[in-house]
Amino acid sequence: MEPFLTVREAAEALRLSRSRIYQLATAGLLPVHQIGQGKLLFRRSELEEALTKRAPSGTRVSAPSRF
């Protein structure tokens, strides 16, 4: 089973701030799994898929090398 990424790990992988990760997750733009009352976790494969699907047509999307 694929491990989860924390908000910090997702932010590092996507090269975004943690606050931006929270904003995108709460807006429904990133797939997120909420544990308890506030802990947000992400699956790497779901983030990759979301990035690919949300890219404008004709745009080439590549995940950062650490992703």
Protein backbone atom coordinates (compact mmCIF):
# COMPACT_ATOMS: atom_id res chain seq x y z
CA MET A 1 0.00 0.00 0.00
CA GLU A 2 1.23 3.44 -0.91
CA PRO A 3 2.22 5.61 2.06
CA PHE A 4 0.57 8.96 2.73
CA LEU A 5 2.31 12.31 2.48
CA THR A 6 1.83 14.94 5.16
CA VAL A 7 1.02 18.54 4.25
CA ARG A 8 4.69 19.40 4.69
CA GLU A 9 5.82 16.56 2.43
CA ALA A 10 3.23 17.41 -0.22
CA ALA A 11 4.30 21.07 -0.11
CA GLU A 12 7.94 20.10 -0.58
CA ALA A 13 7.12 17.69 -3.40
CA LEU A 14 4.99 20.26 -5.25
CA ARG A 15 7.25 23.18 -4.33
CA LEU A 16 4.39 25.10 -2.76
CA SER A 17 3.90 26.59 0.68
CA ARG A 18 2.02 24.61 3.29
CA SER A 19 -0.68 27.29 3.38
CA ARG A 20 -1.16 26.92 -0.40
CA ILE A 21 -1.54 23.16 0.00
CA TYR A 22 -4.26 23.77 2.62
CA GLN A 23 -5.99 26.26 0.30
CA LEU A 24 -5.96 23.88 -2.68
CA ALA A 25 -7.13 20.94 -0.57
CA THR A 26 -10.03 22.81 1.04
CA ALA A 27 -11.06 24.18 -2.38
CA GLY A 28 -11.25 20.60 -3.65
CA LEU A 29 -8.41 21.07 -6.13
CA LEU A 30 -6.16 18.47 -4.49
CA PRO A 31 -7.32 15.02 -3.42
CA VAL A 32 -7.01 14.77 0.33
CA HIS A 33 -7.74 12.29 3.11
CA GLN A 34 -8.69 13.84 6.42
CA ILE A 35 -7.79 11.97 9.58
CA GLY A 36 -9.57 12.97 12.75
CA GLN A 37 -10.55 16.60 13.06
CA GLY A 38 -7.78 18.21 11.08
CA LYS A 39 -4.87 16.11 9.89
CA LEU A 40 -4.70 16.13 6.10
CA LEU A 41 -2.87 13.39 4.21
CA PHE A 42 -2.19 12.93 0.51
CA ARG A 43 -1.29 10.01 -1.73
CA ARG A 44 1.50 10.78 -4.18
CA SER A 45 -0.25 8.99 -7.06
CA GLU A 46 -3.47 10.97 -6.49
CA LEU A 47 -1.54 14.26 -6.49
CA GLU A 48 0.19 13.31 -9.74
CA GLU A 49 -3.15 12.42 -11.32
CA ALA A 50 -4.77 15.66 -10.13
CA LEU A 51 -1.93 17.73 -11.56
CA THR A 52 -2.18 15.97 -14.90
CA LYS A 53 -5.97 16.34 -15.12
CA ARG A 54 -5.99 20.02 -14.15
CA ALA A 55 -3.35 21.16 -16.64
CA PRO A 56 -4.74 23.23 -19.52
CA SER A 57 -4.98 21.39 -22.81
CA GLY A 58 -1.67 21.35 -24.64
CA THR A 59 0.29 22.16 -21.50
CA ARG A 60 3.10 19.85 -20.64
CA VAL A 61 3.08 18.90 -16.95
CA SER A 62 6.02 17.35 -15.23
CA ALA A 63 6.24 16.67 -11.55
CA PRO A 64 9.28 18.02 -9.74
CA SER A 65 12.19 15.59 -9.73
CA ARG A 66 11.72 14.75 -6.03
CA PHE A 67 8.08 13.92 -6.65
